[in-house]
């Protein structure tokens, strides 16, 4: 969930919402005249507020500017956040930012390599270089699509069905999967259009994205509902794991369920369903059926 870095109330209350990550924004949502004040505000809030174990990320301004470098110095010093690099176009952008982060870690006595990074891809050049970006550093936990800047770069606008975003989504997703990191989809800015939002979330889930960026607490529930596996999916996945365990006990190399062979992709999909079910709180770790 994106939280403007210049809004004290939203920064204070962000931890009460049932989201996986909180993204404090020092870039596009903050005007030039408020950059320094927003940085100070987020820094002080991070030092004093308990966000209840949620993943914390800060979208900084470009590290190639004085403002962005000051953002890095302040946020890395908190030892609590990952850094989201905006408008990433190539691996060198990530590596340049990483070099600055490493210098700050050494200067502040922070274990080098402990500050994680995320890269936002927001242009045609960035999309074409998605693979190189995804593999650029082990600090990278994910890459994300920034749709508004991207469609502007394409000289078009966002449509209801997202046709103009399909190529970028596929490129980013393939790159993330190849590198073993997360792929996060862009925000949906029309907060009042829940039907359109649900349709887009269903699409990106089907494509394989790990999650959806949001800008309003009202968007939390639809994302959770769409990503939470159904009872039927959970029962099927538990049955797959039970079949694997039964075959193991019998010493059998052949695994079948309801007369159908169970191979590695089936097992991987079943495990993914169970992981999502646990994350959503609809399946407990101690469930006697779970393996």
C-alpha atoms as a PDB file:
ATOM      1  CA  UNK A   1       0.000   0.000   0.000  1.00  0.00           C
ATOM      2  CA  UNK A   2       1.414   3.383  -1.063  1.00  0.00           C
ATOM      3  CA  UNK A   3       1.458   6.074   1.630  1.00  0.00           C
ATOM      4  CA  UNK A   4       2.377   9.689   0.753  1.00  0.00           C
ATOM      5  CA  UNK A   5       5.488  10.748   2.640  1.00  0.00           C
ATOM      6  CA  UNK A   6       4.031  14.162   3.431  1.00  0.00           C
ATOM      7  CA  UNK A   7       0.868  12.927   5.196  1.00  0.00           C
ATOM      8  CA  UNK A   8       1.490  12.455   8.959  1.00  0.00           C
ATOM      9  CA  UNK A   9      -1.895  10.871   9.653  1.00  0.00           C
ATOM     10  CA  UNK A  10      -1.582   8.254   6.932  1.00  0.00           C
ATOM     11  CA  UNK A  11       1.999   7.438   7.898  1.00  0.00           C
ATOM     12  CA  UNK A  12       0.978   7.055  11.543  1.00  0.00           C
ATOM     13  CA  UNK A  13      -2.021   4.841  10.825  1.00  0.00           C
ATOM     14  CA  UNK A  14      -0.588   2.707   7.988  1.00  0.00           C
ATOM     15  CA  UNK A  15       0.261  -0.149  10.336  1.00  0.00           C
ATOM     16  CA  UNK A  16      -3.374  -0.800  11.266  1.00  0.00           C
ATOM     17  CA  UNK A  17      -4.252  -2.066   7.800  1.00  0.00           C
ATOM     18  CA  UNK A  18      -4.021  -5.717   6.821  1.00  0.00           C
ATOM     19  CA  UNK A  19      -1.441  -5.335   4.064  1.00  0.00           C
ATOM     20  CA  UNK A  20       1.790  -7.207   3.398  1.00  0.00           C
ATOM     21  CA  UNK A  21       3.929  -4.152   2.666  1.00  0.00           C
ATOM     22  CA  UNK A  22       3.773  -0.418   3.312  1.00  0.00           C
ATOM     23  CA  UNK A  23       5.390   1.808   0.681  1.00  0.00           C
ATOM     24  CA  UNK A  24       6.239   5.288   1.970  1.00  0.00           C
ATOM     25  CA  UNK A  25       6.534   7.557  -1.046  1.00  0.00           C
ATOM     26  CA  UNK A  26       9.035  10.407  -1.192  1.00  0.00           C
ATOM     27  CA  UNK A  27       8.890  10.729  -4.967  1.00  0.00           C
ATOM     28  CA  UNK A  28       5.879  11.493  -7.170  1.00  0.00           C
ATOM     29  CA  UNK A  29       3.302  12.085  -4.417  1.00  0.00           C
ATOM     30  CA  UNK A  30       5.450  14.782  -2.780  1.00  0.00           C
ATOM     31  CA  UNK A  31       5.894  18.217  -4.349  1.00  0.00           C
ATOM     32  CA  UNK A  32       9.382  19.649  -4.816  1.00  0.00           C
ATOM     33  CA  UNK A  33       8.928  22.151  -2.008  1.00  0.00           C
ATOM     34  CA  UNK A  34       7.982  19.409   0.474  1.00  0.00           C
ATOM     35  CA  UNK A  35      10.744  16.908  -0.248  1.00  0.00           C
ATOM     36  CA  UNK A  36      12.930  17.719   2.757  1.00  0.00           C
ATOM     37  CA  UNK A  37      10.018  17.880   5.183  1.00  0.00           C
ATOM     38  CA  UNK A  38       8.619  14.569   3.916  1.00  0.00           C
ATOM     39  CA  UNK A  39      11.982  12.850   4.308  1.00  0.00           C
ATOM     40  CA  UNK A  40      12.311  14.079   7.885  1.00  0.00           C
ATOM     41  CA  UNK A  41       8.731  13.043   8.669  1.00  0.00           C
ATOM     42  CA  UNK A  42       9.109   9.502   7.339  1.00  0.00           C
ATOM     43  CA  UNK A  43      12.479   9.123   9.064  1.00  0.00           C
ATOM     44  CA  UNK A  44      11.094  10.147  12.457  1.00  0.00           C
ATOM     45  CA  UNK A  45       7.966   8.017  12.048  1.00  0.00           C
ATOM     46  CA  UNK A  46      10.088   4.977  11.201  1.00  0.00           C
ATOM     47  CA  UNK A  47      12.118   5.549  14.344  1.00  0.00           C
ATOM     48  CA  UNK A  48       9.097   5.674  16.633  1.00  0.00           C
ATOM     49  CA  UNK A  49       6.134   3.720  15.216  1.00  0.00           C
ATOM     50  CA  UNK A  50       5.554  -0.025  15.482  1.00  0.00           C
ATOM     51  CA  UNK A  51       4.286  -1.292  12.132  1.00  0.00           C
ATOM     52  CA  UNK A  52       3.619  -4.776  13.524  1.00  0.00           C
ATOM     53  CA  UNK A  53       6.114  -6.721  11.461  1.00  0.00           C
ATOM     54  CA  UNK A  54       4.961  -5.494   8.071  1.00  0.00           C
ATOM     55  CA  UNK A  55       7.460  -5.151   5.250  1.00  0.00           C
ATOM     56  CA  UNK A  56       8.463  -1.500   4.988  1.00  0.00           C
ATOM     57  CA  UNK A  57       9.654   0.070   1.739  1.00  0.00           C
ATOM     58  CA  UNK A  58      10.477   3.657   0.802  1.00  0.00           C
ATOM     59  CA  UNK A  59      10.270   4.958  -2.748  1.00  0.00           C
ATOM     60  CA  UNK A  60      13.098   7.460  -2.906  1.00  0.00           C
ATOM     61  CA  UNK A  61      13.784  10.163  -5.443  1.00  0.00           C
ATOM     62  CA  UNK A  62      16.401   9.432  -8.080  1.00  0.00           C
ATOM     63  CA  UNK A  63      19.715   8.739  -6.285  1.00  0.00           C
ATOM     64  CA  UNK A  64      21.439  10.722  -9.034  1.00  0.00           C
ATOM     65  CA  UNK A  65      20.002  13.901  -7.506  1.00  0.00           C
ATOM     66  CA  UNK A  66      20.921  15.561  -4.224  1.00  0.00           C
ATOM     67  CA  UNK A  67      17.388  14.974  -2.954  1.00  0.00           C
ATOM     68  CA  UNK A  68      17.547  11.272  -3.741  1.00  0.00           C
ATOM     69  CA  UNK A  69      20.943  10.860  -2.116  1.00  0.00           C
ATOM     70  CA  UNK A  70      19.649  12.483   1.072  1.00  0.00           C
ATOM     71  CA  UNK A  71      16.649  10.129   0.918  1.00  0.00           C
ATOM     72  CA  UNK A  72      19.028   7.159   0.815  1.00  0.00           C
ATOM     73  CA  UNK A  73      21.128   8.431   3.710  1.00  0.00           C
ATOM     74  CA  UNK A  74      18.105   8.915   5.933  1.00  0.00           C
ATOM     75  CA  UNK A  75      16.211   5.745   5.043  1.00  0.00           C
ATOM     76  CA  UNK A  76      19.166   3.336   5.072  1.00  0.00           C
ATOM     77  CA  UNK A  77      20.053   4.717   8.493  1.00  0.00           C
ATOM     78  CA  UNK A  78      16.727   3.526   9.934  1.00  0.00           C
ATOM     79  CA  UNK A  79      17.761  -0.091   9.252  1.00  0.00           C
ATOM     80  CA  UNK A  80      14.062  -0.877   8.786  1.00  0.00           C
ATOM     81  CA  UNK A  81      13.260  -0.390   5.123  1.00  0.00           C
ATOM     82  CA  UNK A  82      13.907  -1.653   1.632  1.00  0.00           C
ATOM     83  CA  UNK A  83      14.631   0.985  -1.000  1.00  0.00           C
ATOM     84  CA  UNK A  84      12.434   1.259  -4.095  1.00  0.00           C
ATOM     85  CA  UNK A  85      14.329   2.775  -6.991  1.00  0.00           C
ATOM     86  CA  UNK A  86      12.015   4.738  -9.316  1.00  0.00           C
ATOM     87  CA  UNK A  87      12.127   4.860 -13.119  1.00  0.00           C
ATOM     88  CA  UNK A  88      14.707   2.096 -13.490  1.00  0.00           C
ATOM     89  CA  UNK A  89      15.855   1.696 -17.073  1.00  0.00           C
ATOM     90  CA  UNK A  90      18.919  -0.545 -16.901  1.00  0.00           C
ATOM     91  CA  UNK A  91      21.049  -2.674 -14.604  1.00  0.00           C
ATOM     92  CA  UNK A  92      23.483   0.219 -14.209  1.00  0.00           C
ATOM     93  CA  UNK A  93      20.742   2.262 -12.510  1.00  0.00           C
ATOM     94  CA  UNK A  94      20.354  -0.448  -9.872  1.00  0.00           C
ATOM     95  CA  UNK A  95      24.087  -0.954  -9.448  1.00  0.00           C
ATOM     96  CA  UNK A  96      24.674   2.785  -9.094  1.00  0.00           C
ATOM     97  CA  UNK A  97      22.065   2.992  -6.353  1.00  0.00           C
ATOM     98  CA  UNK A  98      23.475  -0.119  -4.687  1.00  0.00           C
ATOM     99  CA  UNK A  99      26.941   1.447  -4.626  1.00  0.00           C
ATOM    100  CA  UNK A 100      25.561   4.482  -2.806  1.00  0.00           C
ATOM    101  CA  UNK A 101      23.655   2.297  -0.350  1.00  0.00           C
ATOM    102  CA  UNK A 102      26.771   0.223   0.375  1.00  0.00           C
ATOM    103  CA  UNK A 103      28.773   3.375   1.117  1.00  0.00           C
ATOM    104  CA  UNK A 104      26.094   4.553   3.552  1.00  0.00           C
ATOM    105  CA  UNK A 105      26.037   1.135   5.241  1.00  0.00           C
ATOM    106  CA  UNK A 106      29.806   1.260   5.754  1.00  0.00           C
ATOM    107  CA  UNK A 107      29.643   4.835   7.009  1.00  0.00           C
ATOM    108  CA  UNK A 108      26.887   4.042   9.554  1.00  0.00           C
ATOM    109  CA  UNK A 109      28.237   0.673  10.684  1.00  0.00           C
ATOM    110  CA  UNK A 110      25.359  -1.238   9.097  1.00  0.00           C
ATOM    111  CA  UNK A 111      26.138  -4.760   7.839  1.00  0.00           C
ATOM    112  CA  UNK A 112      26.894  -4.325   4.157  1.00  0.00           C
ATOM    113  CA  UNK A 113      24.274  -5.939   1.946  1.00  0.00           C
ATOM    114  CA  UNK A 114      21.514  -5.860   4.561  1.00  0.00           C
ATOM    115  CA  UNK A 115      19.476  -3.103   2.872  1.00  0.00           C
ATOM    116  CA  UNK A 116      17.204  -4.679   0.286  1.00  0.00           C
ATOM    117  CA  UNK A 117      16.069  -3.061  -2.947  1.00  0.00           C
ATOM    118  CA  UNK A 118      13.131  -3.038  -5.341  1.00  0.00           C
ATOM    119  CA  UNK A 119      13.192  -1.627  -8.863  1.00  0.00           C
ATOM    120  CA  UNK A 120      10.246   0.115 -10.506  1.00  0.00           C
ATOM    121  CA  UNK A 121      10.157  -0.198 -14.297  1.00  0.00           C
ATOM    122  CA  UNK A 122       8.292   2.714 -15.867  1.00  0.00           C
ATOM    123  CA  UNK A 123       9.451   3.126 -19.479  1.00  0.00           C
ATOM    124  CA  UNK A 124       9.816   1.239 -22.738  1.00  0.00           C
ATOM    125  CA  UNK A 125      13.591   1.074 -22.256  1.00  0.00           C
ATOM    126  CA  UNK A 126      13.137  -0.329 -18.760  1.00  0.00           C
ATOM    127  CA  UNK A 127      10.714  -2.992 -19.972  1.00  0.00           C
ATOM    128  CA  UNK A 128      13.105  -4.114 -22.703  1.00  0.00           C
ATOM    129  CA  UNK A 129      15.879  -4.333 -20.089  1.00  0.00           C
ATOM    130  CA  UNK A 130      13.744  -6.111 -17.475  1.00  0.00           C
ATOM    131  CA  UNK A 131      15.884  -9.264 -17.440  1.00  0.00           C
ATOM    132  CA  UNK A 132      19.135  -7.364 -16.874  1.00  0.00           C
ATOM    133  CA  UNK A 133      17.494  -5.316 -14.142  1.00  0.00           C
ATOM    134  CA  UNK A 134      16.115  -8.412 -12.404  1.00  0.00           C
ATOM    135  CA  UNK A 135      19.528 -10.094 -12.352  1.00  0.00           C
ATOM    136  CA  UNK A 136      21.507  -6.964 -11.447  1.00  0.00           C
ATOM    137  CA  UNK A 137      22.051  -7.558  -7.710  1.00  0.00           C
ATOM    138  CA  UNK A 138      21.230 -10.036  -4.962  1.00  0.00           C
ATOM    139  CA  UNK A 139      19.794  -7.149  -2.944  1.00  0.00           C
ATOM    140  CA  UNK A 140      16.823  -7.011  -5.308  1.00  0.00           C
ATOM    141  CA  UNK A 141      13.672  -8.554  -3.816  1.00  0.00           C
ATOM    142  CA  UNK A 142      11.363  -7.638  -6.666  1.00  0.00           C
ATOM    143  CA  UNK A 143      10.583  -5.572  -9.731  1.00  0.00           C
ATOM    144  CA  UNK A 144       7.393  -3.602 -10.219  1.00  0.00           C
ATOM    145  CA  UNK A 145       5.520  -2.034 -13.083  1.00  0.00           C
ATOM    146  CA  UNK A 146       4.852   1.704 -12.940  1.00  0.00           C
ATOM    147  CA  UNK A 147       1.996   1.916 -15.419  1.00  0.00           C
ATOM    148  CA  UNK A 148       1.245   5.636 -15.524  1.00  0.00           C
ATOM    149  CA  UNK A 149       4.723   6.688 -16.628  1.00  0.00           C
ATOM    150  CA  UNK A 150       4.975   3.653 -18.891  1.00  0.00           C
ATOM    151  CA  UNK A 151       1.822   4.374 -20.923  1.00  0.00           C
ATOM    152  CA  UNK A 152       2.863   8.014 -21.205  1.00  0.00           C
ATOM    153  CA  UNK A 153       6.182   6.849 -22.619  1.00  0.00           C
ATOM    154  CA  UNK A 154       4.262   4.715 -25.111  1.00  0.00           C
ATOM    155  CA  UNK A 155       2.226   7.789 -26.139  1.00  0.00           C
ATOM    156  CA  UNK A 156      -1.046   6.192 -25.112  1.00  0.00           C
ATOM    157  CA  UNK A 157      -3.342   5.995 -22.084  1.00  0.00           C
ATOM    158  CA  UNK A 158      -4.596   3.250 -19.803  1.00  0.00           C
ATOM    159  CA  UNK A 159      -7.629   1.368 -21.047  1.00  0.00           C
ATOM    160  CA  UNK A 160     -10.245  -0.604 -19.149  1.00  0.00           C
ATOM    161  CA  UNK A 161      -8.868  -3.981 -20.228  1.00  0.00           C
ATOM    162  CA  UNK A 162      -5.187  -3.039 -19.947  1.00  0.00           C
ATOM    163  CA  UNK A 163      -4.245  -4.170 -23.454  1.00  0.00           C
ATOM    164  CA  UNK A 164      -1.456  -1.593 -23.633  1.00  0.00           C
ATOM    165  CA  UNK A 165       0.156  -3.061 -20.475  1.00  0.00           C
ATOM    166  CA  UNK A 166       0.176  -6.733 -21.457  1.00  0.00           C
ATOM    167  CA  UNK A 167       3.619  -6.747 -23.081  1.00  0.00           C
ATOM    168  CA  UNK A 168       5.218  -4.929 -20.144  1.00  0.00           C
ATOM    169  CA  UNK A 169       3.511  -7.176 -17.612  1.00  0.00           C
ATOM    170  CA  UNK A 170       4.711 -10.290 -19.401  1.00  0.00           C
ATOM    171  CA  UNK A 171       8.275  -8.999 -19.741  1.00  0.00           C
ATOM    172  CA  UNK A 172       8.479  -8.017 -16.080  1.00  0.00           C
ATOM    173  CA  UNK A 173       6.917 -11.264 -14.918  1.00  0.00           C
ATOM    174  CA  UNK A 174       9.233 -13.443 -17.011  1.00  0.00           C
ATOM    175  CA  UNK A 175      12.279 -11.517 -15.790  1.00  0.00           C
ATOM    176  CA  UNK A 176      11.220 -11.798 -12.155  1.00  0.00           C
ATOM    177  CA  UNK A 177      10.548 -15.516 -12.412  1.00  0.00           C
ATOM    178  CA  UNK A 178      13.877 -16.144 -14.138  1.00  0.00           C
ATOM    179  CA  UNK A 179      15.692 -14.248 -11.379  1.00  0.00           C
ATOM    180  CA  UNK A 180      13.673 -15.794  -8.558  1.00  0.00           C
ATOM    181  CA  UNK A 181      12.292 -12.498  -7.243  1.00  0.00           C
ATOM    182  CA  UNK A 182       8.814 -11.011  -6.848  1.00  0.00           C
ATOM    183  CA  UNK A 183       6.787  -9.357  -9.597  1.00  0.00           C
ATOM    184  CA  UNK A 184       4.434  -6.617  -8.382  1.00  0.00           C
ATOM    185  CA  UNK A 185       1.791  -5.010 -10.568  1.00  0.00           C
ATOM    186  CA  UNK A 186       1.030  -1.303 -10.849  1.00  0.00           C
ATOM    187  CA  UNK A 187      -1.574   0.703  -8.953  1.00  0.00           C
ATOM    188  CA  UNK A 188      -5.144   1.128 -10.181  1.00  0.00           C
ATOM    189  CA  UNK A 189      -5.914   4.793  -9.691  1.00  0.00           C
ATOM    190  CA  UNK A 190      -9.712   4.790 -10.136  1.00  0.00           C
ATOM    191  CA  UNK A 191     -10.558   4.003  -6.529  1.00  0.00           C
ATOM    192  CA  UNK A 192     -14.317   4.234  -7.109  1.00  0.00           C
ATOM    193  CA  UNK A 193     -14.319   1.611  -9.875  1.00  0.00           C
ATOM    194  CA  UNK A 194     -14.270  -1.572  -7.796  1.00  0.00           C
ATOM    195  CA  UNK A 195     -15.488  -3.739 -10.670  1.00  0.00           C
ATOM    196  CA  UNK A 196     -12.647  -2.563 -12.898  1.00  0.00           C
ATOM    197  CA  UNK A 197     -10.160  -3.006 -10.069  1.00  0.00           C
ATOM    198  CA  UNK A 198     -11.313  -6.558  -9.362  1.00  0.00           C
ATOM    199  CA  UNK A 199     -11.051  -7.403 -13.042  1.00  0.00           C
ATOM    200  CA  UNK A 200      -7.478  -6.144 -13.195  1.00  0.00           C
ATOM    201  CA  UNK A 201      -6.464  -7.984 -10.020  1.00  0.00           C
ATOM    202  CA  UNK A 202      -7.937 -11.221 -11.393  1.00  0.00           C
ATOM    203  CA  UNK A 203      -5.951 -10.696 -14.600  1.00  0.00           C
ATOM    204  CA  UNK A 204      -2.595 -10.120 -12.921  1.00  0.00           C
ATOM    205  CA  UNK A 205      -3.160 -13.069 -10.574  1.00  0.00           C
ATOM    206  CA  UNK A 206      -3.847 -15.281 -13.593  1.00  0.00           C
ATOM    207  CA  UNK A 207      -0.688 -13.993 -15.285  1.00  0.00           C
ATOM    208  CA  UNK A 208       1.296 -14.972 -12.193  1.00  0.00           C
ATOM    209  CA  UNK A 209       2.085 -11.722 -10.382  1.00  0.00           C
ATOM    210  CA  UNK A 210       2.874 -11.985  -6.677  1.00  0.00           C
ATOM    211  CA  UNK A 211       0.828  -8.955  -5.730  1.00  0.00           C
ATOM    212  CA  UNK A 212      -0.831  -5.672  -6.589  1.00  0.00           C
ATOM    213  CA  UNK A 213       0.156  -2.162  -5.516  1.00  0.00           C
ATOM    214  CA  UNK A 214      -2.713  -0.188  -4.016  1.00  0.00           C
ATOM    215  CA  UNK A 215      -3.300   3.448  -3.098  1.00  0.00           C
ATOM    216  CA  UNK A 216      -6.362   3.224  -0.873  1.00  0.00           C
ATOM    217  CA  UNK A 217      -7.380   0.937   2.035  1.00  0.00           C
ATOM    218  CA  UNK A 218     -10.642   0.217   0.192  1.00  0.00           C
ATOM    219  CA  UNK A 219      -8.610  -1.784  -2.317  1.00  0.00           C
ATOM    220  CA  UNK A 220      -7.198  -4.186   0.288  1.00  0.00           C
ATOM    221  CA  UNK A 221     -10.186  -6.526   0.609  1.00  0.00           C
ATOM    222  CA  UNK A 222     -10.691  -7.153  -3.138  1.00  0.00           C
ATOM    223  CA  UNK A 223      -7.022  -8.104  -3.565  1.00  0.00           C
ATOM    224  CA  UNK A 224      -7.143 -10.465  -0.600  1.00  0.00           C
ATOM    225  CA  UNK A 225     -10.379 -12.074  -1.754  1.00  0.00           C
ATOM    226  CA  UNK A 226      -9.059 -12.716  -5.258  1.00  0.00           C
ATOM    227  CA  UNK A 227      -5.669 -14.027  -4.124  1.00  0.00           C
ATOM    228  CA  UNK A 228      -7.062 -16.220  -1.331  1.00  0.00           C
ATOM    229  CA  UNK A 229      -7.519 -19.823  -2.561  1.00  0.00           C
ATOM    230  CA  UNK A 230     -10.985 -21.326  -2.452  1.00  0.00           C
ATOM    231  CA  UNK A 231     -11.839 -24.245  -0.166  1.00  0.00           C
ATOM    232  CA  UNK A 232     -11.930 -26.504  -3.192  1.00  0.00           C
ATOM    233  CA  UNK A 233      -8.419 -25.436  -4.227  1.00  0.00           C
ATOM    234  CA  UNK A 234      -7.116 -25.928  -0.690  1.00  0.00           C
ATOM    235  CA  UNK A 235      -8.700 -29.373  -0.313  1.00  0.00           C
ATOM    236  CA  UNK A 236      -7.291 -30.449  -3.658  1.00  0.00           C
ATOM    237  CA  UNK A 237      -3.814 -29.229  -2.714  1.00  0.00           C
ATOM    238  CA  UNK A 238      -3.942 -30.976   0.659  1.00  0.00           C
ATOM    239  CA  UNK A 239      -4.983 -34.175  -1.112  1.00  0.00           C
ATOM    240  CA  UNK A 240      -1.944 -33.866  -3.416  1.00  0.00           C
ATOM    241  CA  UNK A 241       0.350 -33.530  -0.407  1.00  0.00           C
ATOM    242  CA  UNK A 242      -1.348 -36.478   1.289  1.00  0.00           C
ATOM    243  CA  UNK A 243      -0.796 -38.592  -1.819  1.00  0.00           C
ATOM    244  CA  UNK A 244       2.885 -37.668  -1.849  1.00  0.00           C
ATOM    245  CA  UNK A 245       3.238 -38.621   1.813  1.00  0.00           C
ATOM    246  CA  UNK A 246       1.416 -41.908   1.288  1.00  0.00           C
ATOM    247  CA  UNK A 247       3.679 -42.796  -1.637  1.00  0.00           C
ATOM    248  CA  UNK A 248       6.726 -41.939   0.456  1.00  0.00           C
ATOM    249  CA  UNK A 249       5.619 -44.246   3.273  1.00  0.00           C
ATOM    250  CA  UNK A 250       5.100 -47.080   0.799  1.00  0.00           C
ATOM    251  CA  UNK A 251       8.423 -46.424  -0.887  1.00  0.00           C
ATOM    252  CA  UNK A 252       6.648 -45.958  -4.183  1.00  0.00           C
ATOM    253  CA  UNK A 253       8.090 -43.794  -6.936  1.00  0.00           C
ATOM    254  CA  UNK A 254       4.700 -43.561  -8.600  1.00  0.00           C
ATOM    255  CA  UNK A 255       2.302 -40.962  -7.167  1.00  0.00           C
ATOM    256  CA  UNK A 256      -1.341 -40.838  -8.207  1.00  0.00           C
ATOM    257  CA  UNK A 257      -4.517 -39.125  -7.063  1.00  0.00           C
ATOM    258  CA  UNK A 258      -7.952 -40.204  -8.260  1.00  0.00           C
ATOM    259  CA  UNK A 259      -6.323 -42.245 -10.986  1.00  0.00           C
ATOM    260  CA  UNK A 260      -4.195 -39.361 -12.299  1.00  0.00           C
ATOM    261  CA  UNK A 261      -0.427 -39.124 -12.079  1.00  0.00           C
ATOM    262  CA  UNK A 262       1.006 -36.374  -9.872  1.00  0.00           C
ATOM    263  CA  UNK A 263       4.127 -34.810 -11.318  1.00  0.00           C
ATOM    264  CA  UNK A 264       6.420 -31.985 -10.195  1.00  0.00           C
ATOM    265  CA  UNK A 265       4.386 -29.054 -11.652  1.00  0.00           C
ATOM    266  CA  UNK A 266       1.246 -30.327  -9.898  1.00  0.00           C
ATOM    267  CA  UNK A 267       3.113 -30.461  -6.595  1.00  0.00           C
ATOM    268  CA  UNK A 268       4.551 -26.964  -7.079  1.00  0.00           C
ATOM    269  CA  UNK A 269       1.081 -25.540  -7.791  1.00  0.00           C
ATOM    270  CA  UNK A 270      -0.360 -27.298  -4.762  1.00  0.00           C
ATOM    271  CA  UNK A 271       2.358 -25.891  -2.534  1.00  0.00           C
ATOM    272  CA  UNK A 272       1.734 -22.415  -3.918  1.00  0.00           C
ATOM    273  CA  UNK A 273      -1.961 -22.718  -3.061  1.00  0.00           C
ATOM    274  CA  UNK A 274      -1.146 -23.789   0.495  1.00  0.00           C
ATOM    275  CA  UNK A 275       1.364 -20.953   0.894  1.00  0.00           C
ATOM    276  CA  UNK A 276      -1.267 -18.426  -0.208  1.00  0.00           C
ATOM    277  CA  UNK A 277      -3.851 -20.011   2.085  1.00  0.00           C
ATOM    278  CA  UNK A 278      -1.517 -19.705   5.059  1.00  0.00           C
ATOM    279  CA  UNK A 279      -0.672 -16.114   4.178  1.00  0.00           C
ATOM    280  CA  UNK A 280      -4.391 -15.322   4.003  1.00  0.00           C
ATOM    281  CA  UNK A 281      -5.002 -16.974   7.371  1.00  0.00           C
ATOM    282  CA  UNK A 282      -7.484 -19.550   6.031  1.00  0.00           C
ATOM    283  CA  UNK A 283      -5.115 -22.469   6.650  1.00  0.00           C
ATOM    284  CA  UNK A 284      -3.125 -22.836   9.846  1.00  0.00           C
ATOM    285  CA  UNK A 285       0.376 -24.249  10.001  1.00  0.00           C
ATOM    286  CA  UNK A 286      -0.765 -26.838  12.518  1.00  0.00           C
ATOM    287  CA  UNK A 287      -3.563 -28.143  10.275  1.00  0.00           C
ATOM    288  CA  UNK A 288      -3.338 -31.887  10.691  1.00  0.00           C
ATOM    289  CA  UNK A 289      -3.762 -32.467   6.964  1.00  0.00           C
ATOM    290  CA  UNK A 290      -0.994 -30.129   5.863  1.00  0.00           C
ATOM    291  CA  UNK A 291       2.432 -31.458   4.957  1.00  0.00           C
END
